[in-house]
């Protein structure tokens, strides 16, 4: 079996970029854009994984046509209020999925937080965001892009027989041409998965 490709993504490779509505700044960990699009912009975005601080209540950007997955990684007490009710992100490391086109306003019940965002054009990609904890074996599907992110402490483990050590704040991009198993041995991470519906998603 071919070994998976493990590509480190150090913080020095991350890109700082304003939110679409200008209300804050996000730190892009990894992304893909349509050919010819500015990778630092919002037009032509296919998918994006980023970390951002929410320091005061305010409206979320309109990302109509995009699926969003979000988890609090620092702090607690985040709630997103919308016309049809609230999206509960009060507890850390509990990913929530919602439509990027929903008009939402953040509410901070316990002060500022930091979140991890996975955003994707739903016509092009299917996405998932899960917590990877020690002792769990997580099946990674062939052909998808998997990004393991250590939001705080260092993380170590094995993937398809390959060992890795991920410092806190770093990410690891995993790609394989056959299904493999990811096992975390120490630390706690978040695993983002992006599956292509069309060839351009994997850019």
N, C-alpha and C. Protein backbone atom coordinates (compact mmCIF):
# COMPACT_ATOMS: atom_id res chain seq x y z
N UNK A 1 0.85 -1.20 0.00
CA UNK A 1 0.00 0.00 0.00
C UNK A 1 0.88 1.25 0.00
N UNK A 2 0.52 2.22 -0.81
CA UNK A 2 1.25 3.48 -0.84
C UNK A 2 1.03 4.24 0.46
N UNK A 3 2.11 4.78 1.00
CA UNK A 3 2.01 5.52 2.25
C UNK A 3 1.32 6.86 2.00
N UNK A 4 0.60 7.36 3.01
CA UNK A 4 -0.04 8.68 2.85
C UNK A 4 1.02 9.77 2.78
N UNK A 5 0.65 10.86 2.14
CA UNK A 5 1.51 12.04 2.08
C UNK A 5 1.16 12.95 3.24
N UNK A 6 2.13 13.22 4.10
CA UNK A 6 1.93 14.09 5.26
C UNK A 6 2.72 15.37 5.03
N UNK A 7 2.01 16.48 4.89
CA UNK A 7 2.66 17.76 4.58
C UNK A 7 2.46 18.74 5.74
N UNK A 8 3.54 19.09 6.47
CA UNK A 8 3.41 20.04 7.58
C UNK A 8 2.94 21.42 7.10
N UNK A 9 2.08 22.03 7.89
CA UNK A 9 1.62 23.40 7.63
C UNK A 9 1.96 24.23 8.87
N UNK A 10 3.14 24.84 8.90
CA UNK A 10 3.55 25.62 10.07
C UNK A 10 2.85 26.98 10.09
N UNK A 11 2.76 27.62 11.25
CA UNK A 11 2.10 28.93 11.33
C UNK A 11 2.70 29.97 10.38
N UNK A 12 3.97 29.84 10.05
CA UNK A 12 4.59 30.80 9.13
C UNK A 12 3.95 30.76 7.74
N UNK A 13 3.27 29.65 7.42
CA UNK A 13 2.62 29.53 6.11
C UNK A 13 1.18 30.03 6.13
N UNK A 14 0.63 30.34 7.31
CA UNK A 14 -0.74 30.81 7.41
C UNK A 14 -0.84 32.24 6.86
N UNK A 15 -2.03 32.62 6.42
CA UNK A 15 -2.23 33.94 5.82
C UNK A 15 -3.31 34.70 6.58
N UNK A 16 -3.00 35.91 7.01
CA UNK A 16 -3.94 36.77 7.71
C UNK A 16 -4.80 37.52 6.70
N UNK A 17 -6.12 37.53 6.93
CA UNK A 17 -7.02 38.16 5.96
C UNK A 17 -8.26 38.70 6.66
N UNK A 18 -8.75 39.89 6.27
CA UNK A 18 -9.97 40.44 6.88
C UNK A 18 -11.18 39.56 6.58
N UNK A 19 -12.13 39.56 7.51
CA UNK A 19 -13.41 38.90 7.26
C UNK A 19 -14.07 39.54 6.04
N UNK A 20 -14.99 38.82 5.45
CA UNK A 20 -15.69 39.34 4.29
C UNK A 20 -16.44 40.64 4.62
N UNK A 21 -16.99 40.72 5.85
CA UNK A 21 -17.73 41.94 6.24
C UNK A 21 -16.84 42.98 6.92
N UNK A 22 -15.53 42.69 7.02
CA UNK A 22 -14.60 43.65 7.61
C UNK A 22 -14.62 43.73 9.11
N UNK A 23 -15.39 42.85 9.79
CA UNK A 23 -15.54 42.96 11.23
C UNK A 23 -14.43 42.35 12.05
N UNK A 24 -13.49 41.68 11.41
CA UNK A 24 -12.40 41.05 12.13
C UNK A 24 -11.37 40.52 11.16
N UNK A 25 -10.47 39.70 11.68
CA UNK A 25 -9.39 39.13 10.87
C UNK A 25 -9.33 37.64 11.13
N UNK A 26 -9.13 36.87 10.07
CA UNK A 26 -8.97 35.43 10.20
C UNK A 26 -7.56 35.03 9.79
N UNK A 27 -7.11 33.91 10.31
CA UNK A 27 -5.81 33.37 9.97
C UNK A 27 -6.05 32.09 9.19
N UNK A 28 -5.83 32.15 7.88
CA UNK A 28 -6.08 31.00 7.01
C UNK A 28 -4.98 29.96 7.18
N UNK A 29 -5.38 28.74 7.50
CA UNK A 29 -4.46 27.62 7.67
C UNK A 29 -4.23 26.92 6.34
N UNK A 30 -5.31 26.73 5.58
CA UNK A 30 -5.24 26.10 4.26
C UNK A 30 -6.48 26.50 3.48
N UNK A 31 -6.37 26.48 2.14
CA UNK A 31 -7.52 26.89 1.34
C UNK A 31 -7.36 26.44 -0.10
N UNK A 32 -8.39 26.66 -0.89
CA UNK A 32 -8.36 26.43 -2.33
C UNK A 32 -9.29 27.43 -2.99
N UNK A 33 -8.90 27.94 -4.15
CA UNK A 33 -9.70 28.92 -4.88
C UNK A 33 -9.81 28.52 -6.34
N UNK A 34 -10.79 29.06 -7.02
CA UNK A 34 -10.96 28.80 -8.44
C UNK A 34 -9.77 29.35 -9.22
N UNK A 35 -9.45 28.76 -10.36
CA UNK A 35 -8.33 29.26 -11.17
C UNK A 35 -8.48 30.75 -11.49
N UNK A 36 -7.42 31.50 -11.28
CA UNK A 36 -7.43 32.93 -11.57
C UNK A 36 -7.93 33.79 -10.42
N UNK A 37 -8.51 33.18 -9.38
CA UNK A 37 -9.02 33.97 -8.25
C UNK A 37 -7.89 34.33 -7.30
N UNK A 38 -8.05 35.45 -6.62
CA UNK A 38 -7.07 35.87 -5.63
C UNK A 38 -7.22 34.98 -4.40
N UNK A 39 -6.21 34.18 -4.06
CA UNK A 39 -6.34 33.28 -2.91
C UNK A 39 -6.52 34.00 -1.58
N UNK A 40 -6.16 35.29 -1.55
CA UNK A 40 -6.32 36.07 -0.33
C UNK A 40 -7.68 36.74 -0.24
N UNK A 41 -8.50 36.61 -1.31
CA UNK A 41 -9.81 37.25 -1.33
C UNK A 41 -10.93 36.26 -1.06
N UNK A 42 -12.16 36.74 -1.19
CA UNK A 42 -13.33 35.91 -0.95
C UNK A 42 -13.98 35.45 -2.24
N UNK A 43 -13.82 36.22 -3.32
CA UNK A 43 -14.40 35.82 -4.60
C UNK A 43 -13.66 34.61 -5.15
N UNK A 44 -14.40 33.60 -5.55
CA UNK A 44 -13.76 32.41 -6.11
C UNK A 44 -13.28 31.41 -5.09
N UNK A 45 -13.59 31.63 -3.82
CA UNK A 45 -13.18 30.68 -2.79
C UNK A 45 -13.90 29.35 -3.00
N UNK A 46 -13.14 28.25 -2.92
CA UNK A 46 -13.72 26.91 -2.96
C UNK A 46 -13.89 26.39 -1.54
N UNK A 47 -12.81 26.39 -0.78
CA UNK A 47 -12.90 26.04 0.63
C UNK A 47 -11.79 26.76 1.41
N UNK A 48 -12.00 26.82 2.70
CA UNK A 48 -11.03 27.53 3.54
C UNK A 48 -11.13 26.99 4.97
N UNK A 49 -9.96 26.73 5.57
CA UNK A 49 -9.88 26.38 6.98
C UNK A 49 -9.11 27.48 7.68
N UNK A 50 -9.69 28.09 8.69
CA UNK A 50 -9.04 29.22 9.34
C UNK A 50 -9.37 29.33 10.82
N UNK A 51 -8.53 30.07 11.50
CA UNK A 51 -8.70 30.33 12.92
C UNK A 51 -8.96 31.82 13.09
N UNK A 52 -9.93 32.17 13.92
CA UNK A 52 -10.24 33.58 14.09
C UNK A 52 -10.68 33.88 15.52
N UNK A 53 -10.41 35.10 15.96
CA UNK A 53 -10.85 35.55 17.28
C UNK A 53 -12.14 36.36 17.12
N UNK A 54 -13.08 36.11 18.01
CA UNK A 54 -14.31 36.90 18.08
C UNK A 54 -14.27 37.63 19.42
N UNK A 55 -14.00 38.91 19.37
CA UNK A 55 -13.76 39.66 20.61
C UNK A 55 -14.94 40.51 21.03
N UNK A 56 -15.92 40.69 20.14
CA UNK A 56 -17.11 41.45 20.50
C UNK A 56 -18.28 40.94 19.66
N UNK A 57 -19.51 41.08 20.16
CA UNK A 57 -20.68 40.62 19.41
C UNK A 57 -20.81 41.38 18.09
N UNK A 58 -21.35 40.70 17.09
CA UNK A 58 -21.54 41.37 15.80
C UNK A 58 -22.08 40.42 14.75
N UNK A 59 -22.47 40.97 13.60
CA UNK A 59 -23.03 40.15 12.53
C UNK A 59 -21.97 39.29 11.85
N UNK A 60 -22.36 38.10 11.42
CA UNK A 60 -21.49 37.24 10.66
C UNK A 60 -21.57 37.60 9.18
N UNK A 61 -20.50 37.31 8.45
CA UNK A 61 -20.46 37.58 7.01
C UNK A 61 -21.50 36.74 6.27
N UNK A 62 -22.05 37.30 5.20
CA UNK A 62 -22.97 36.57 4.33
C UNK A 62 -22.15 35.68 3.39
N UNK A 63 -22.24 34.38 3.60
CA UNK A 63 -21.54 33.42 2.75
C UNK A 63 -22.56 32.49 2.09
N UNK A 64 -23.51 33.10 1.41
CA UNK A 64 -24.55 32.34 0.71
C UNK A 64 -23.91 31.37 -0.28
N UNK A 65 -24.40 30.13 -0.27
CA UNK A 65 -23.87 29.10 -1.15
C UNK A 65 -22.77 28.27 -0.51
N UNK A 66 -22.37 28.64 0.71
CA UNK A 66 -21.30 27.93 1.40
C UNK A 66 -21.82 27.21 2.64
N UNK A 67 -21.25 26.05 2.91
CA UNK A 67 -21.49 25.32 4.14
C UNK A 67 -20.43 25.75 5.15
N UNK A 68 -20.83 25.86 6.43
CA UNK A 68 -19.86 26.24 7.45
C UNK A 68 -19.86 25.22 8.59
N UNK A 69 -18.68 24.91 9.07
CA UNK A 69 -18.49 24.12 10.28
C UNK A 69 -17.59 24.93 11.20
N UNK A 70 -17.96 25.01 12.46
CA UNK A 70 -17.24 25.90 13.38
C UNK A 70 -17.15 25.25 14.75
N UNK A 71 -16.00 25.45 15.40
CA UNK A 71 -15.81 24.95 16.77
C UNK A 71 -15.01 25.97 17.56
N UNK A 72 -15.40 26.19 18.79
CA UNK A 72 -14.64 27.06 19.69
C UNK A 72 -13.38 26.31 20.14
N UNK A 73 -12.23 26.98 20.06
CA UNK A 73 -10.97 26.35 20.48
C UNK A 73 -10.30 27.08 21.65
N UNK A 74 -10.72 28.32 21.92
CA UNK A 74 -10.26 29.06 23.09
C UNK A 74 -11.47 29.77 23.69
N UNK A 75 -11.66 29.63 24.99
CA UNK A 75 -12.79 30.27 25.64
C UNK A 75 -14.05 29.41 25.56
N UNK A 76 -15.19 30.03 25.86
CA UNK A 76 -16.47 29.33 25.83
C UNK A 76 -17.58 30.37 25.79
N UNK A 77 -18.82 29.89 25.58
CA UNK A 77 -19.97 30.78 25.68
C UNK A 77 -20.39 31.46 24.39
N UNK A 78 -19.98 30.94 23.23
CA UNK A 78 -20.37 31.56 21.96
C UNK A 78 -21.74 31.05 21.53
N UNK A 79 -22.62 31.98 21.17
CA UNK A 79 -23.94 31.66 20.63
C UNK A 79 -24.15 32.49 19.38
N UNK A 80 -24.71 31.87 18.34
CA UNK A 80 -25.05 32.58 17.11
C UNK A 80 -26.56 32.69 17.03
N UNK A 81 -27.06 33.92 17.06
CA UNK A 81 -28.50 34.15 17.05
C UNK A 81 -28.99 34.41 15.63
N UNK A 82 -30.07 33.71 15.25
CA UNK A 82 -30.68 33.89 13.95
C UNK A 82 -32.19 33.96 14.06
N UNK A 83 -32.86 34.20 12.94
CA UNK A 83 -34.32 34.33 12.95
C UNK A 83 -35.02 33.06 13.39
N UNK A 84 -34.40 31.90 13.15
CA UNK A 84 -35.03 30.62 13.48
C UNK A 84 -34.51 30.03 14.79
N UNK A 85 -33.79 30.82 15.56
CA UNK A 85 -33.26 30.32 16.83
C UNK A 85 -31.76 30.50 16.92
N UNK A 86 -31.15 29.81 17.87
CA UNK A 86 -29.73 29.97 18.11
C UNK A 86 -28.94 28.74 17.69
N UNK A 87 -27.68 28.98 17.34
CA UNK A 87 -26.72 27.91 17.11
C UNK A 87 -25.81 27.90 18.33
N UNK A 88 -25.81 26.78 19.04
CA UNK A 88 -25.16 26.67 20.34
C UNK A 88 -23.70 26.23 20.17
N UNK A 89 -22.78 27.16 20.41
CA UNK A 89 -21.35 26.87 20.41
C UNK A 89 -20.74 27.20 21.77
N UNK A 90 -21.54 27.05 22.81
CA UNK A 90 -21.11 27.45 24.15
C UNK A 90 -19.91 26.64 24.64
N UNK A 91 -19.88 25.35 24.32
CA UNK A 91 -18.82 24.48 24.81
C UNK A 91 -17.71 24.36 23.79
N UNK A 92 -16.45 24.36 24.24
CA UNK A 92 -15.33 24.22 23.30
C UNK A 92 -15.28 22.83 22.68
N UNK A 93 -14.69 22.79 21.50
CA UNK A 93 -14.46 21.54 20.77
C UNK A 93 -15.75 20.77 20.52
N UNK A 94 -16.83 21.49 20.20
CA UNK A 94 -18.10 20.89 19.81
C UNK A 94 -18.51 21.50 18.48
N UNK A 95 -18.03 20.95 17.36
CA UNK A 95 -18.31 21.55 16.05
C UNK A 95 -19.81 21.64 15.76
N UNK A 96 -20.21 22.74 15.15
CA UNK A 96 -21.59 22.95 14.70
C UNK A 96 -21.58 23.24 13.21
N UNK A 97 -22.55 22.71 12.50
CA UNK A 97 -22.69 22.90 11.06
C UNK A 97 -23.87 23.83 10.79
N UNK A 98 -23.67 24.78 9.87
CA UNK A 98 -24.78 25.65 9.52
C UNK A 98 -24.58 26.26 8.13
N UNK A 99 -25.66 26.81 7.61
CA UNK A 99 -25.67 27.42 6.28
C UNK A 99 -24.99 28.79 6.36
N UNK A 100 -23.97 29.00 5.52
CA UNK A 100 -23.25 30.26 5.53
C UNK A 100 -24.08 31.45 5.11
N UNK A 101 -25.25 31.21 4.51
CA UNK A 101 -26.11 32.31 4.09
C UNK A 101 -27.08 32.78 5.15
N UNK A 102 -27.13 32.11 6.30
CA UNK A 102 -28.04 32.52 7.36
C UNK A 102 -27.61 33.86 7.96
N UNK A 103 -28.53 34.80 8.14
CA UNK A 103 -28.20 36.03 8.85
C UNK A 103 -28.02 35.73 10.35
N UNK A 104 -26.80 35.85 10.84
CA UNK A 104 -26.49 35.49 12.21
C UNK A 104 -25.74 36.62 12.91
N UNK A 105 -25.98 36.75 14.20
CA UNK A 105 -25.26 37.71 15.04
C UNK A 105 -24.67 36.95 16.22
N UNK A 106 -23.38 37.14 16.46
CA UNK A 106 -22.72 36.42 17.56
C UNK A 106 -23.07 37.04 18.91
N UNK A 107 -23.14 36.16 19.92
CA UNK A 107 -23.35 36.58 21.30
C UNK A 107 -22.28 35.92 22.15
N UNK A 108 -21.58 36.70 22.97
CA UNK A 108 -20.49 36.21 23.79
C UNK A 108 -20.92 36.22 25.25
N UNK A 109 -21.25 35.03 25.77
CA UNK A 109 -21.77 34.96 27.13
C UNK A 109 -20.65 34.94 28.19
N UNK A 110 -19.42 34.60 27.76
CA UNK A 110 -18.31 34.50 28.72
C UNK A 110 -17.05 35.19 28.21
N UNK A 111 -17.22 36.24 27.41
CA UNK A 111 -16.07 36.97 26.92
C UNK A 111 -15.58 36.46 25.58
N UNK A 112 -14.48 37.04 25.07
CA UNK A 112 -13.95 36.70 23.75
C UNK A 112 -13.62 35.21 23.61
N UNK A 113 -13.70 34.74 22.38
CA UNK A 113 -13.37 33.35 22.07
C UNK A 113 -12.52 33.32 20.80
N UNK A 114 -11.92 32.16 20.54
CA UNK A 114 -11.32 31.89 19.24
C UNK A 114 -11.98 30.65 18.69
N UNK A 115 -12.18 30.63 17.37
CA UNK A 115 -12.87 29.52 16.73
C UNK A 115 -12.07 29.01 15.55
N UNK A 116 -12.33 27.76 15.20
CA UNK A 116 -11.81 27.18 13.97
C UNK A 116 -12.98 27.08 13.00
N UNK A 117 -12.79 27.62 11.79
CA UNK A 117 -13.83 27.64 10.77
C UNK A 117 -13.42 26.78 9.58
N UNK A 118 -14.33 25.93 9.12
CA UNK A 118 -14.18 25.23 7.85
C UNK A 118 -15.35 25.65 6.98
N UNK A 119 -15.04 26.25 5.84
CA UNK A 119 -16.04 26.82 4.95
C UNK A 119 -15.83 26.24 3.56
N UNK A 120 -16.92 25.85 2.88
CA UNK A 120 -16.76 25.29 1.53
C UNK A 120 -17.98 25.56 0.67
N UNK A 121 -17.73 25.76 -0.62
CA UNK A 121 -18.79 25.87 -1.62
C UNK A 121 -19.49 24.51 -1.68
N UNK A 122 -20.76 24.47 -1.28
CA UNK A 122 -21.43 23.18 -1.16
C UNK A 122 -21.68 22.51 -2.50
N UNK A 123 -21.62 23.27 -3.59
CA UNK A 123 -21.78 22.66 -4.91
C UNK A 123 -20.52 21.92 -5.35
N UNK A 124 -19.38 22.27 -4.73
CA UNK A 124 -18.11 21.70 -5.15
C UNK A 124 -17.53 20.71 -4.14
N UNK A 125 -17.86 20.87 -2.87
CA UNK A 125 -17.21 20.08 -1.82
C UNK A 125 -18.20 19.61 -0.76
N UNK A 126 -17.87 18.49 -0.16
CA UNK A 126 -18.52 18.03 1.07
C UNK A 126 -17.47 18.11 2.17
N UNK A 127 -17.85 18.61 3.34
CA UNK A 127 -16.87 18.84 4.39
C UNK A 127 -17.31 18.23 5.71
N UNK A 128 -16.31 18.01 6.58
CA UNK A 128 -16.59 17.53 7.92
C UNK A 128 -15.51 18.07 8.86
N UNK A 129 -15.85 18.21 10.13
CA UNK A 129 -14.92 18.69 11.15
C UNK A 129 -15.20 17.91 12.42
N UNK A 130 -14.20 17.15 12.88
CA UNK A 130 -14.39 16.30 14.07
C UNK A 130 -13.22 16.49 15.03
N UNK A 131 -13.47 16.17 16.28
CA UNK A 131 -12.41 16.18 17.29
C UNK A 131 -11.67 14.85 17.23
N UNK A 132 -10.34 14.92 17.21
CA UNK A 132 -9.49 13.74 17.21
C UNK A 132 -8.82 13.64 18.58
N UNK A 133 -9.22 12.64 19.37
CA UNK A 133 -8.74 12.48 20.74
C UNK A 133 -7.86 11.24 20.86
N UNK A 134 -7.01 11.18 21.89
CA UNK A 134 -6.11 10.04 22.06
C UNK A 134 -6.85 8.71 22.12
N UNK A 135 -6.29 7.72 21.44
CA UNK A 135 -6.84 6.37 21.46
C UNK A 135 -7.86 6.07 20.39
N UNK A 136 -8.37 7.09 19.72
CA UNK A 136 -9.37 6.89 18.68
C UNK A 136 -8.69 6.54 17.35
N UNK A 137 -9.30 5.62 16.61
CA UNK A 137 -8.87 5.35 15.25
C UNK A 137 -9.87 5.96 14.30
N UNK A 138 -9.44 6.93 13.51
CA UNK A 138 -10.34 7.63 12.59
C UNK A 138 -10.01 7.21 11.17
N UNK A 139 -11.00 6.73 10.45
CA UNK A 139 -10.81 6.31 9.06
C UNK A 139 -10.74 7.52 8.15
N UNK A 140 -9.67 7.63 7.38
CA UNK A 140 -9.51 8.72 6.41
C UNK A 140 -9.72 8.14 5.02
N UNK A 141 -10.66 8.70 4.28
CA UNK A 141 -10.99 8.18 2.96
C UNK A 141 -9.99 8.62 1.91
N UNK A 142 -9.72 7.73 0.98
CA UNK A 142 -8.80 8.04 -0.12
C UNK A 142 -9.38 9.14 -0.99
N UNK A 143 -8.49 9.98 -1.52
CA UNK A 143 -8.89 11.01 -2.45
C UNK A 143 -9.36 12.31 -1.82
N UNK A 144 -9.61 12.30 -0.51
CA UNK A 144 -10.03 13.52 0.18
C UNK A 144 -8.81 14.26 0.72
N UNK A 145 -9.01 15.51 1.07
CA UNK A 145 -7.99 16.29 1.77
C UNK A 145 -8.35 16.29 3.25
N UNK A 146 -7.39 15.90 4.08
CA UNK A 146 -7.59 15.87 5.52
C UNK A 146 -6.56 16.81 6.15
N UNK A 147 -7.01 17.70 7.03
CA UNK A 147 -6.10 18.62 7.69
C UNK A 147 -6.28 18.48 9.19
N UNK A 148 -5.21 18.07 9.84
CA UNK A 148 -5.21 17.90 11.29
C UNK A 148 -4.61 19.16 11.90
N UNK A 149 -5.33 19.78 12.83
CA UNK A 149 -4.86 21.03 13.43
C UNK A 149 -4.80 20.88 14.94
N UNK A 150 -3.65 21.27 15.51
CA UNK A 150 -3.44 21.25 16.95
C UNK A 150 -3.69 22.66 17.49
N UNK A 151 -4.87 22.94 18.03
CA UNK A 151 -5.18 24.32 18.43
C UNK A 151 -4.46 24.80 19.67
N UNK A 152 -3.99 23.85 20.52
CA UNK A 152 -3.33 24.25 21.76
C UNK A 152 -2.06 23.45 22.01
N UNK A 153 -2.21 22.33 22.67
CA UNK A 153 -1.05 21.50 23.01
C UNK A 153 -0.55 20.72 21.81
N UNK A 154 0.67 20.20 21.94
CA UNK A 154 1.25 19.38 20.89
C UNK A 154 0.46 18.08 20.74
N UNK A 155 0.49 17.55 19.52
CA UNK A 155 -0.26 16.34 19.19
C UNK A 155 0.69 15.37 18.49
N UNK A 156 0.61 14.10 18.84
CA UNK A 156 1.41 13.09 18.16
C UNK A 156 0.55 11.87 17.88
N UNK A 157 0.97 11.08 16.88
CA UNK A 157 0.20 9.90 16.54
C UNK A 157 0.76 9.19 15.33
N UNK A 158 -0.11 8.38 14.70
CA UNK A 158 0.25 7.60 13.53
C UNK A 158 -0.82 7.76 12.46
N UNK A 159 -0.39 7.69 11.22
CA UNK A 159 -1.33 7.73 10.09
C UNK A 159 -0.82 6.78 9.01
N UNK A 160 -1.56 5.72 8.77
CA UNK A 160 -1.14 4.76 7.75
C UNK A 160 0.24 4.20 7.98
N UNK A 161 0.62 4.02 9.25
CA UNK A 161 1.95 3.51 9.57
C UNK A 161 3.01 4.57 9.71
N UNK A 162 2.71 5.80 9.31
CA UNK A 162 3.65 6.92 9.43
C UNK A 162 3.43 7.64 10.76
N UNK A 163 4.50 7.88 11.50
CA UNK A 163 4.39 8.61 12.75
C UNK A 163 4.54 10.11 12.50
N UNK A 164 3.92 10.91 13.35
CA UNK A 164 4.05 12.36 13.23
C UNK A 164 4.02 12.99 14.61
N UNK A 165 4.61 14.16 14.71
CA UNK A 165 4.57 14.99 15.92
C UNK A 165 4.22 16.41 15.48
N UNK A 166 3.15 16.92 16.01
CA UNK A 166 2.61 18.20 15.57
C UNK A 166 2.67 19.20 16.73
N UNK A 167 3.53 20.23 16.64
CA UNK A 167 3.58 21.23 17.73
C UNK A 167 2.25 21.97 17.83
N UNK A 168 1.99 22.52 19.00
CA UNK A 168 0.78 23.31 19.18
C UNK A 168 0.74 24.48 18.21
N UNK A 169 -0.43 24.72 17.62
CA UNK A 169 -0.59 25.80 16.66
C UNK A 169 -0.23 25.43 15.24
N UNK A 170 0.23 24.21 15.01
CA UNK A 170 0.60 23.75 13.68
C UNK A 170 -0.49 22.86 13.11
N UNK A 171 -0.41 22.64 11.79
CA UNK A 171 -1.36 21.77 11.10
C UNK A 171 -0.60 20.78 10.23
N UNK A 172 -1.30 19.72 9.83
CA UNK A 172 -0.73 18.67 8.99
C UNK A 172 -1.75 18.31 7.92
N UNK A 173 -1.35 18.44 6.67
CA UNK A 173 -2.22 18.05 5.55
C UNK A 173 -1.94 16.60 5.19
N UNK A 174 -2.99 15.81 5.11
CA UNK A 174 -2.87 14.37 4.85
C UNK A 174 -3.64 14.03 3.59
N UNK A 175 -2.96 13.36 2.65
CA UNK A 175 -3.60 12.88 1.44
C UNK A 175 -3.13 11.46 1.18
N UNK A 176 -4.03 10.61 0.70
CA UNK A 176 -3.69 9.21 0.46
C UNK A 176 -4.50 8.68 -0.72
N UNK A 177 -3.91 7.74 -1.45
CA UNK A 177 -4.63 7.13 -2.56
C UNK A 177 -5.32 5.83 -2.16
N UNK A 178 -5.30 5.52 -0.86
CA UNK A 178 -6.04 4.40 -0.30
C UNK A 178 -6.50 4.79 1.09
N UNK A 179 -7.59 4.19 1.56
CA UNK A 179 -8.08 4.51 2.89
C UNK A 179 -7.01 4.17 3.94
N UNK A 180 -6.84 5.07 4.92
CA UNK A 180 -5.87 4.86 6.00
C UNK A 180 -6.55 5.19 7.33
N UNK A 181 -5.89 4.81 8.41
CA UNK A 181 -6.40 5.10 9.75
C UNK A 181 -5.49 6.09 10.45
N UNK A 182 -6.10 7.12 11.03
CA UNK A 182 -5.39 8.11 11.83
C UNK A 182 -5.62 7.79 13.30
N UNK A 183 -4.54 7.68 14.06
CA UNK A 183 -4.64 7.41 15.49
C UNK A 183 -3.86 8.46 16.26
N UNK A 184 -4.54 9.17 17.16
CA UNK A 184 -3.89 10.16 18.02
C UNK A 184 -3.40 9.44 19.27
N UNK A 185 -2.13 9.67 19.62
CA UNK A 185 -1.56 9.04 20.80
C UNK A 185 -1.42 10.01 21.97
N UNK A 186 -1.25 11.29 21.68
CA UNK A 186 -1.14 12.30 22.73
C UNK A 186 -1.65 13.63 22.21
N UNK A 187 -2.34 14.37 23.08
CA UNK A 187 -2.87 15.67 22.68
C UNK A 187 -4.25 15.54 22.07
N UNK A 188 -4.83 16.67 21.76
CA UNK A 188 -6.16 16.71 21.17
C UNK A 188 -6.15 17.67 19.98
N UNK A 189 -6.74 17.22 18.88
CA UNK A 189 -6.71 18.00 17.65
C UNK A 189 -8.09 18.06 17.02
N UNK A 190 -8.21 18.90 16.00
CA UNK A 190 -9.40 18.93 15.17
C UNK A 190 -9.02 18.47 13.77
N UNK A 191 -9.86 17.63 13.20
CA UNK A 191 -9.61 17.08 11.88
C UNK A 191 -10.64 17.61 10.90
N UNK A 192 -10.18 18.36 9.90
CA UNK A 192 -11.04 18.85 8.82
C UNK A 192 -10.89 17.94 7.61
N UNK A 193 -12.01 17.59 7.00
CA UNK A 193 -11.99 16.76 5.80
C UNK A 193 -12.75 17.46 4.69
N UNK A 194 -12.14 17.52 3.51
CA UNK A 194 -12.75 18.14 2.33
C UNK A 194 -12.78 17.10 1.24
N UNK A 195 -13.99 16.73 0.82
CA UNK A 195 -14.17 15.73 -0.24
C UNK A 195 -14.68 16.45 -1.49
N UNK A 196 -14.07 16.18 -2.60
CA UNK A 196 -14.41 16.85 -3.85
C UNK A 196 -15.69 16.27 -4.46
N UNK A 197 -16.59 17.15 -4.87
CA UNK A 197 -17.71 16.75 -5.72
C UNK A 197 -17.34 16.88 -7.19
N UNK A 198 -16.32 17.74 -7.45
CA UNK A 198 -15.79 17.95 -8.79
C UNK A 198 -14.28 18.08 -8.67
N UNK A 199 -13.57 17.98 -9.77
CA UNK A 199 -12.10 17.95 -9.73
C UNK A 199 -11.49 19.21 -9.13
N UNK A 200 -12.12 20.38 -9.29
CA UNK A 200 -11.50 21.63 -8.86
C UNK A 200 -11.43 21.78 -7.35
N UNK A 201 -12.21 20.99 -6.59
CA UNK A 201 -12.24 21.15 -5.15
C UNK A 201 -10.91 20.81 -4.51
N UNK A 202 -10.16 19.92 -5.11
CA UNK A 202 -8.94 19.44 -4.48
C UNK A 202 -7.73 20.32 -4.75
N UNK A 203 -7.93 21.49 -5.34
CA UNK A 203 -6.80 22.35 -5.68
C UNK A 203 -6.02 22.73 -4.43
